[in-house]
């Protein structure tokens, strides 16, 4: 029996804390860039899979996970990518 280790993400929007303590929202574009970097890191750490869920609301950055996963696939080597619906 093989156990696989990976991540699954809903791609909700995030905020960052600025030096003055105020919260600053992250744009959808930046969130997607961050997700692709996270997938690259997961691949480098030899995680087995990365799943990205689909949502159609303003507070989620990814409504079409296949597009984001396709972009990540061009930059990864070993990890299995999955679109969860």
PDB file of N, CA and C in Angstrom:
ATOM      1  N   UNK A   1       0.842  -1.181   0.000  1.00  0.00           N
ATOM      2  CA  UNK A   1       0.000   0.000   0.000  1.00  0.00           C
ATOM      3  C   UNK A   1       0.885   1.241   0.000  1.00  0.00           C
ATOM      4  N   UNK A   2       0.602   2.153  -0.911  1.00  0.00           N
ATOM      5  CA  UNK A   2       1.359   3.398  -0.997  1.00  0.00           C
ATOM      6  C   UNK A   2       0.503   4.540  -0.466  1.00  0.00           C
ATOM      7  N   UNK A   3       1.075   5.335   0.393  1.00  0.00           N
ATOM      8  CA  UNK A   3       0.402   6.525   0.906  1.00  0.00           C
ATOM      9  C   UNK A   3       0.915   7.723   0.128  1.00  0.00           C
ATOM     10  N   UNK A   4      -0.013   8.543  -0.361  1.00  0.00           N
ATOM     11  CA  UNK A   4       0.372   9.748  -1.079  1.00  0.00           C
ATOM     12  C   UNK A   4       0.135  10.961  -0.194  1.00  0.00           C
ATOM     13  N   UNK A   5       1.021  11.929  -0.313  1.00  0.00           N
ATOM     14  CA  UNK A   5       0.943  13.152   0.470  1.00  0.00           C
ATOM     15  C   UNK A   5       0.851  14.334  -0.482  1.00  0.00           C
ATOM     16  N   UNK A   6      -0.095  15.216  -0.230  1.00  0.00           N
ATOM     17  CA  UNK A   6      -0.249  16.374  -1.098  1.00  0.00           C
ATOM     18  C   UNK A   6      -1.087  17.451  -0.460  1.00  0.00           C
ATOM     19  N   UNK A   7      -1.478  18.409  -1.270  1.00  0.00           N
ATOM     20  CA  UNK A   7      -2.254  19.561  -0.821  1.00  0.00           C
ATOM     21  C   UNK A   7      -3.488  19.721  -1.690  1.00  0.00           C
ATOM     22  N   UNK A   8      -4.545  20.251  -1.079  1.00  0.00           N
ATOM     23  CA  UNK A   8      -5.740  20.645  -1.813  1.00  0.00           C
ATOM     24  C   UNK A   8      -6.082  22.058  -1.377  1.00  0.00           C
ATOM     25  N   UNK A   9      -6.438  22.907  -2.333  1.00  0.00           N
ATOM     26  CA  UNK A   9      -6.642  24.320  -2.055  1.00  0.00           C
ATOM     27  C   UNK A   9      -7.939  24.802  -2.680  1.00  0.00           C
ATOM     28  N   UNK A  10      -8.612  25.720  -1.995  1.00  0.00           N
ATOM     29  CA  UNK A  10      -9.807  26.362  -2.527  1.00  0.00           C
ATOM     30  C   UNK A  10      -9.493  27.689  -3.218  1.00  0.00           C
ATOM     31  N   UNK A  11      -8.280  28.209  -3.066  1.00  0.00           N
ATOM     32  CA  UNK A  11      -7.831  29.455  -3.700  1.00  0.00           C
ATOM     33  C   UNK A  11      -8.617  30.673  -3.234  1.00  0.00           C
ATOM     34  N   UNK A  12      -8.968  30.690  -1.960  1.00  0.00           N
ATOM     35  CA  UNK A  12      -9.638  31.871  -1.427  1.00  0.00           C
ATOM     36  C   UNK A  12      -8.682  33.054  -1.447  1.00  0.00           C
ATOM     37  N   UNK A  13      -9.252  34.241  -1.544  1.00  0.00           N
ATOM     38  CA  UNK A  13      -8.414  35.434  -1.529  1.00  0.00           C
ATOM     39  C   UNK A  13      -7.867  35.653  -0.132  1.00  0.00           C
ATOM     40  N   UNK A  14      -6.729  36.256  -0.078  1.00  0.00           N
ATOM     41  CA  UNK A  14      -6.067  36.493   1.188  1.00  0.00           C
ATOM     42  C   UNK A  14      -5.801  37.976   1.364  1.00  0.00           C
ATOM     43  N   UNK A  15      -5.396  38.309   2.542  1.00  0.00           N
ATOM     44  CA  UNK A  15      -4.933  39.657   2.828  1.00  0.00           C
ATOM     45  C   UNK A  15      -3.557  39.550   3.461  1.00  0.00           C
ATOM     46  N   UNK A  16      -2.783  40.588   3.318  1.00  0.00           N
ATOM     47  CA  UNK A  16      -1.486  40.638   3.974  1.00  0.00           C
ATOM     48  C   UNK A  16      -1.497  41.794   4.958  1.00  0.00           C
ATOM     49  N   UNK A  17      -0.667  41.691   5.967  1.00  0.00           N
ATOM     50  CA  UNK A  17      -0.549  42.763   6.941  1.00  0.00           C
ATOM     51  C   UNK A  17       0.594  43.677   6.549  1.00  0.00           C
ATOM     52  N   UNK A  18       0.304  44.953   6.457  1.00  0.00           N
ATOM     53  CA  UNK A  18       1.297  45.952   6.101  1.00  0.00           C
ATOM     54  C   UNK A  18       2.102  46.332   7.351  1.00  0.00           C
ATOM     55  N   UNK A  19       3.254  46.994   7.185  1.00  0.00           N
ATOM     56  CA  UNK A  19       4.058  47.387   8.351  1.00  0.00           C
ATOM     57  C   UNK A  19       3.302  48.230   9.374  1.00  0.00           C
ATOM     58  N   UNK A  20       2.301  48.998   8.926  1.00  0.00           N
ATOM     59  CA  UNK A  20       1.528  49.818   9.866  1.00  0.00           C
ATOM     60  C   UNK A  20       0.416  49.029  10.553  1.00  0.00           C
ATOM     61  N   UNK A  21       0.328  47.711  10.276  1.00  0.00           N
ATOM     62  CA  UNK A  21      -0.662  46.859  10.923  1.00  0.00           C
ATOM     63  C   UNK A  21      -1.984  46.746  10.183  1.00  0.00           C
ATOM     64  N   UNK A  22      -2.176  47.536   9.135  1.00  0.00           N
ATOM     65  CA  UNK A  22      -3.422  47.474   8.366  1.00  0.00           C
ATOM     66  C   UNK A  22      -3.386  46.287   7.417  1.00  0.00           C
ATOM     67  N   UNK A  23      -4.569  45.763   7.111  1.00  0.00           N
ATOM     68  CA  UNK A  23      -4.674  44.630   6.190  1.00  0.00           C
ATOM     69  C   UNK A  23      -4.850  45.138   4.770  1.00  0.00           C
ATOM     70  N   UNK A  24      -4.128  44.537   3.841  1.00  0.00           N
ATOM     71  CA  UNK A  24      -4.186  44.897   2.427  1.00  0.00           C
ATOM     72  C   UNK A  24      -4.629  43.666   1.642  1.00  0.00           C
ATOM     73  N   UNK A  25      -5.715  43.767   0.862  1.00  0.00           N
ATOM     74  CA  UNK A  25      -6.129  42.601   0.075  1.00  0.00           C
ATOM     75  C   UNK A  25      -5.121  42.297  -1.032  1.00  0.00           C
ATOM     76  N   UNK A  26      -5.018  41.035  -1.378  1.00  0.00           N
ATOM     77  CA  UNK A  26      -4.169  40.591  -2.473  1.00  0.00           C
ATOM     78  C   UNK A  26      -5.049  40.450  -3.715  1.00  0.00           C
ATOM     79  N   UNK A  27      -4.570  40.919  -4.845  1.00  0.00           N
ATOM     80  CA  UNK A  27      -5.348  40.826  -6.089  1.00  0.00           C
ATOM     81  C   UNK A  27      -5.477  39.365  -6.519  1.00  0.00           C
ATOM     82  N   UNK A  28      -6.486  39.093  -7.345  1.00  0.00           N
ATOM     83  CA  UNK A  28      -6.645  37.738  -7.888  1.00  0.00           C
ATOM     84  C   UNK A  28      -5.401  37.330  -8.658  1.00  0.00           C
ATOM     85  N   UNK A  29      -4.845  38.253  -9.443  1.00  0.00           N
ATOM     86  CA  UNK A  29      -3.660  37.936 -10.247  1.00  0.00           C
ATOM     87  C   UNK A  29      -2.483  37.542  -9.357  1.00  0.00           C
ATOM     88  N   UNK A  30      -2.267  38.290  -8.274  1.00  0.00           N
ATOM     89  CA  UNK A  30      -1.168  37.958  -7.363  1.00  0.00           C
ATOM     90  C   UNK A  30      -1.431  36.629  -6.669  1.00  0.00           C
ATOM     91  N   UNK A  31      -2.680  36.388  -6.294  1.00  0.00           N
ATOM     92  CA  UNK A  31      -3.024  35.131  -5.624  1.00  0.00           C
ATOM     93  C   UNK A  31      -2.731  33.947  -6.545  1.00  0.00           C
ATOM     94  N   UNK A  32      -3.052  34.081  -7.826  1.00  0.00           N
ATOM     95  CA  UNK A  32      -2.793  32.999  -8.781  1.00  0.00           C
ATOM     96  C   UNK A  32      -1.288  32.791  -8.957  1.00  0.00           C
ATOM     97  N   UNK A  33      -0.523  33.885  -9.032  1.00  0.00           N
ATOM     98  CA  UNK A  33       0.943  33.743  -9.103  1.00  0.00           C
ATOM     99  C   UNK A  33       1.475  33.023  -7.872  1.00  0.00           C
ATOM    100  N   UNK A  34       0.936  33.365  -6.696  1.00  0.00           N
ATOM    101  CA  UNK A  34       1.358  32.710  -5.452  1.00  0.00           C
ATOM    102  C   UNK A  34       1.032  31.215  -5.471  1.00  0.00           C
ATOM    103  N   UNK A  35      -0.139  30.875  -6.000  1.00  0.00           N
ATOM    104  CA  UNK A  35      -0.548  29.465  -6.076  1.00  0.00           C
ATOM    105  C   UNK A  35       0.400  28.684  -6.978  1.00  0.00           C
ATOM    106  N   UNK A  36       0.759  29.253  -8.128  1.00  0.00           N
ATOM    107  CA  UNK A  36       1.677  28.570  -9.039  1.00  0.00           C
ATOM    108  C   UNK A  36       3.038  28.373  -8.373  1.00  0.00           C
ATOM    109  N   UNK A  37       3.509  29.372  -7.644  1.00  0.00           N
ATOM    110  CA  UNK A  37       4.773  29.222  -6.907  1.00  0.00           C
ATOM    111  C   UNK A  37       4.654  28.129  -5.837  1.00  0.00           C
ATOM    112  N   UNK A  38       3.502  28.062  -5.182  1.00  0.00           N
ATOM    113  CA  UNK A  38       3.280  27.025  -4.167  1.00  0.00           C
ATOM    114  C   UNK A  38       3.304  25.638  -4.794  1.00  0.00           C
ATOM    115  N   UNK A  39       2.702  25.502  -5.968  1.00  0.00           N
ATOM    116  CA  UNK A  39       2.718  24.216  -6.671  1.00  0.00           C
ATOM    117  C   UNK A  39       4.146  23.843  -7.056  1.00  0.00           C
ATOM    118  N   UNK A  40       4.914  24.818  -7.531  1.00  0.00           N
ATOM    119  CA  UNK A  40       6.325  24.558  -7.861  1.00  0.00           C
ATOM    120  C   UNK A  40       7.096  24.071  -6.633  1.00  0.00           C
ATOM    121  N   UNK A  41       6.874  24.710  -5.503  1.00  0.00           N
ATOM    122  CA  UNK A  41       7.550  24.305  -4.270  1.00  0.00           C
ATOM    123  C   UNK A  41       7.127  22.901  -3.855  1.00  0.00           C
ATOM    124  N   UNK A  42       5.838  22.609  -3.952  1.00  0.00           N
ATOM    125  CA  UNK A  42       5.353  21.266  -3.610  1.00  0.00           C
ATOM    126  C   UNK A  42       6.022  20.213  -4.496  1.00  0.00           C
ATOM    127  N   UNK A  43       6.220  20.536  -5.766  1.00  0.00           N
ATOM    128  CA  UNK A  43       6.905  19.633  -6.691  1.00  0.00           C
ATOM    129  C   UNK A  43       8.370  19.445  -6.278  1.00  0.00           C
ATOM    130  N   UNK A  44       9.036  20.527  -5.927  1.00  0.00           N
ATOM    131  CA  UNK A  44      10.436  20.457  -5.511  1.00  0.00           C
ATOM    132  C   UNK A  44      10.608  19.654  -4.224  1.00  0.00           C
ATOM    133  N   UNK A  45       9.579  19.682  -3.364  1.00  0.00           N
ATOM    134  CA  UNK A  45       9.611  18.929  -2.106  1.00  0.00           C
ATOM    135  C   UNK A  45       9.119  17.492  -2.285  1.00  0.00           C
ATOM    136  N   UNK A  46       8.845  17.117  -3.516  1.00  0.00           N
ATOM    137  CA  UNK A  46       8.399  15.768  -3.885  1.00  0.00           C
ATOM    138  C   UNK A  46       7.073  15.369  -3.241  1.00  0.00           C
ATOM    139  N   UNK A  47       6.165  16.329  -3.067  1.00  0.00           N
ATOM    140  CA  UNK A  47       4.810  15.945  -2.685  1.00  0.00           C
ATOM    141  C   UNK A  47       4.194  15.202  -3.863  1.00  0.00           C
ATOM    142  N   UNK A  48       3.219  14.344  -3.582  1.00  0.00           N
ATOM    143  CA  UNK A  48       2.656  13.494  -4.627  1.00  0.00           C
ATOM    144  C   UNK A  48       1.607  14.188  -5.496  1.00  0.00           C
ATOM    145  N   UNK A  49       0.797  15.077  -4.894  1.00  0.00           N
ATOM    146  CA  UNK A  49      -0.275  15.691  -5.670  1.00  0.00           C
ATOM    147  C   UNK A  49      -0.604  17.078  -5.154  1.00  0.00           C
ATOM    148  N   UNK A  50      -1.272  17.828  -6.007  1.00  0.00           N
ATOM    149  CA  UNK A  50      -1.790  19.151  -5.653  1.00  0.00           C
ATOM    150  C   UNK A  50      -3.155  19.268  -6.303  1.00  0.00           C
ATOM    151  N   UNK A  51      -4.189  19.477  -5.501  1.00  0.00           N
ATOM    152  CA  UNK A  51      -5.547  19.624  -6.001  1.00  0.00           C
ATOM    153  C   UNK A  51      -6.025  21.052  -5.852  1.00  0.00           C
ATOM    154  N   UNK A  52      -6.680  21.574  -6.856  1.00  0.00           N
ATOM    155  CA  UNK A  52      -7.194  22.941  -6.835  1.00  0.00           C
ATOM    156  C   UNK A  52      -8.690  22.885  -7.096  1.00  0.00           C
ATOM    157  N   UNK A  53      -9.458  23.438  -6.180  1.00  0.00           N
ATOM    158  CA  UNK A  53     -10.917  23.398  -6.261  1.00  0.00           C
ATOM    159  C   UNK A  53     -11.475  24.565  -7.065  1.00  0.00           C
ATOM    160  N   UNK A  54     -12.659  24.371  -7.601  1.00  0.00           N
ATOM    161  CA  UNK A  54     -13.338  25.376  -8.429  1.00  0.00           C
ATOM    162  C   UNK A  54     -14.416  26.085  -7.608  1.00  0.00           C
ATOM    163  N   UNK A  55     -14.421  27.419  -7.676  1.00  0.00           N
ATOM    164  CA  UNK A  55     -15.464  28.226  -7.027  1.00  0.00           C
ATOM    165  C   UNK A  55     -15.774  29.430  -7.893  1.00  0.00           C
ATOM    166  N   UNK A  56     -17.024  29.839  -7.892  1.00  0.00           N
ATOM    167  CA  UNK A  56     -17.460  30.983  -8.698  1.00  0.00           C
ATOM    168  C   UNK A  56     -18.020  32.066  -7.782  1.00  0.00           C
ATOM    169  N   UNK A  57     -17.150  32.613  -6.947  1.00  0.00           N
ATOM    170  CA  UNK A  57     -17.519  33.705  -6.050  1.00  0.00           C
ATOM    171  C   UNK A  57     -16.394  34.727  -6.055  1.00  0.00           C
ATOM    172  N   UNK A  58     -16.717  35.962  -5.732  1.00  0.00           N
ATOM    173  CA  UNK A  58     -15.721  37.031  -5.754  1.00  0.00           C
ATOM    174  C   UNK A  58     -14.598  36.827  -4.739  1.00  0.00           C
ATOM    175  N   UNK A  59     -14.867  36.089  -3.669  1.00  0.00           N
ATOM    176  CA  UNK A  59     -13.837  35.915  -2.637  1.00  0.00           C
ATOM    177  C   UNK A  59     -12.920  34.726  -2.912  1.00  0.00           C
ATOM    178  N   UNK A  60     -12.996  34.153  -4.107  1.00  0.00           N
ATOM    179  CA  UNK A  60     -12.082  33.097  -4.539  1.00  0.00           C
ATOM    180  C   UNK A  60     -11.399  33.538  -5.826  1.00  0.00           C
ATOM    181  N   UNK A  61     -10.113  33.297  -5.931  1.00  0.00           N
ATOM    182  CA  UNK A  61      -9.336  33.782  -7.072  1.00  0.00           C
ATOM    183  C   UNK A  61      -9.442  32.886  -8.298  1.00  0.00           C
ATOM    184  N   UNK A  62      -9.816  31.628  -8.114  1.00  0.00           N
ATOM    185  CA  UNK A  62      -9.782  30.678  -9.232  1.00  0.00           C
ATOM    186  C   UNK A  62     -11.176  30.127  -9.511  1.00  0.00           C
ATOM    187  N   UNK A  63     -11.705  30.471 -10.682  1.00  0.00           N
ATOM    188  CA  UNK A  63     -12.976  29.876 -11.093  1.00  0.00           C
ATOM    189  C   UNK A  63     -12.746  28.768 -12.122  1.00  0.00           C
ATOM    190  N   UNK A  64     -11.559  28.724 -12.707  1.00  0.00           N
ATOM    191  CA  UNK A  64     -11.209  27.683 -13.676  1.00  0.00           C
ATOM    192  C   UNK A  64      -9.855  27.078 -13.294  1.00  0.00           C
ATOM    193  N   UNK A  65      -9.870  26.069 -12.415  1.00  0.00           N
ATOM    194  CA  UNK A  65      -8.607  25.517 -11.941  1.00  0.00           C
ATOM    195  C   UNK A  65      -7.755  24.867 -13.028  1.00  0.00           C
ATOM    196  N   UNK A  66      -8.370  24.377 -14.088  1.00  0.00           N
ATOM    197  CA  UNK A  66      -7.611  23.711 -15.144  1.00  0.00           C
ATOM    198  C   UNK A  66      -6.613  24.677 -15.778  1.00  0.00           C
ATOM    199  N   UNK A  67      -6.999  25.925 -15.949  1.00  0.00           N
ATOM    200  CA  UNK A  67      -6.104  26.923 -16.531  1.00  0.00           C
ATOM    201  C   UNK A  67      -4.896  27.161 -15.641  1.00  0.00           C
ATOM    202  N   UNK A  68      -5.119  27.309 -14.340  1.00  0.00           N
ATOM    203  CA  UNK A  68      -4.025  27.538 -13.397  1.00  0.00           C
ATOM    204  C   UNK A  68      -3.130  26.301 -13.321  1.00  0.00           C
ATOM    205  N   UNK A  69      -3.741  25.133 -13.273  1.00  0.00           N
ATOM    206  CA  UNK A  69      -2.959  23.902 -13.211  1.00  0.00           C
ATOM    207  C   UNK A  69      -2.155  23.683 -14.495  1.00  0.00           C
ATOM    208  N   UNK A  70      -2.695  24.097 -15.635  1.00  0.00           N
ATOM    209  CA  UNK A  70      -1.959  23.994 -16.896  1.00  0.00           C
ATOM    210  C   UNK A  70      -0.715  24.873 -16.864  1.00  0.00           C
ATOM    211  N   UNK A  71      -0.860  26.073 -16.326  1.00  0.00           N
ATOM    212  CA  UNK A  71       0.301  26.965 -16.193  1.00  0.00           C
ATOM    213  C   UNK A  71       1.335  26.347 -15.258  1.00  0.00           C
ATOM    214  N   UNK A  72       0.876  25.759 -14.158  1.00  0.00           N
ATOM    215  CA  UNK A  72       1.796  25.132 -13.212  1.00  0.00           C
ATOM    216  C   UNK A  72       2.469  23.906 -13.818  1.00  0.00           C
ATOM    217  N   UNK A  73       1.761  23.187 -14.676  1.00  0.00           N
ATOM    218  CA  UNK A  73       2.318  21.967 -15.281  1.00  0.00           C
ATOM    219  C   UNK A  73       3.531  22.270 -16.157  1.00  0.00           C
ATOM    220  N   UNK A  74       3.585  23.471 -16.708  1.00  0.00           N
ATOM    221  CA  UNK A  74       4.737  23.831 -17.528  1.00  0.00           C
ATOM    222  C   UNK A  74       5.979  24.091 -16.679  1.00  0.00           C
ATOM    223  N   UNK A  75       5.779  24.201 -15.355  1.00  0.00           N
ATOM    224  CA  UNK A  75       6.890  24.538 -14.459  1.00  0.00           C
ATOM    225  C   UNK A  75       7.187  23.453 -13.432  1.00  0.00           C
ATOM    226  N   UNK A  76       6.525  22.303 -13.545  1.00  0.00           N
ATOM    227  CA  UNK A  76       6.738  21.211 -12.591  1.00  0.00           C
ATOM    228  C   UNK A  76       7.185  19.957 -13.329  1.00  0.00           C
ATOM    229  N   UNK A  77       7.657  18.952 -12.559  1.00  0.00           N
ATOM    230  CA  UNK A  77       8.206  17.748 -13.186  1.00  0.00           C
ATOM    231  C   UNK A  77       7.589  16.448 -12.688  1.00  0.00           C
ATOM    232  N   UNK A  78       7.230  16.364 -11.416  1.00  0.00           N
ATOM    233  CA  UNK A  78       6.850  15.084 -10.820  1.00  0.00           C
ATOM    234  C   UNK A  78       5.440  15.060 -10.232  1.00  0.00           C
ATOM    235  N   UNK A  79       4.957  16.165  -9.775  1.00  0.00           N
ATOM    236  CA  UNK A  79       3.718  16.218  -8.999  1.00  0.00           C
ATOM    237  C   UNK A  79       2.499  15.957  -9.891  1.00  0.00           C
ATOM    238  N   UNK A  80       1.509  15.252  -9.344  1.00  0.00           N
ATOM    239  CA  UNK A  80       0.237  15.045 -10.041  1.00  0.00           C
ATOM    240  C   UNK A  80      -0.658  16.240  -9.722  1.00  0.00           C
ATOM    241  N   UNK A  81      -1.283  16.810 -10.737  1.00  0.00           N
ATOM    242  CA  UNK A  81      -2.157  17.959 -10.554  1.00  0.00           C
ATOM    243  C   UNK A  81      -3.595  17.540 -10.785  1.00  0.00           C
ATOM    244  N   UNK A  82      -4.496  18.040  -9.936  1.00  0.00           N
ATOM    245  CA  UNK A  82      -5.893  17.595  -9.989  1.00  0.00           C
ATOM    246  C   UNK A  82      -6.834  18.784  -9.851  1.00  0.00           C
ATOM    247  N   UNK A  83      -7.908  18.745 -10.599  1.00  0.00           N
ATOM    248  CA  UNK A  83      -8.960  19.748 -10.494  1.00  0.00           C
ATOM    249  C   UNK A  83     -10.124  19.131  -9.734  1.00  0.00           C
ATOM    250  N   UNK A  84     -10.397  19.654  -8.571  1.00  0.00           N
ATOM    251  CA  UNK A  84     -11.511  19.187  -7.741  1.00  0.00           C
ATOM    252  C   UNK A  84     -12.714  20.070  -7.997  1.00  0.00           C
ATOM    253  N   UNK A  85     -13.888  19.470  -8.159  1.00  0.00           N
ATOM    254  CA  UNK A  85     -15.085  20.277  -8.397  1.00  0.00           C
ATOM    255  C   UNK A  85     -16.107  20.035  -7.324  1.00  0.00           C
TER     256      UNK A  85
END
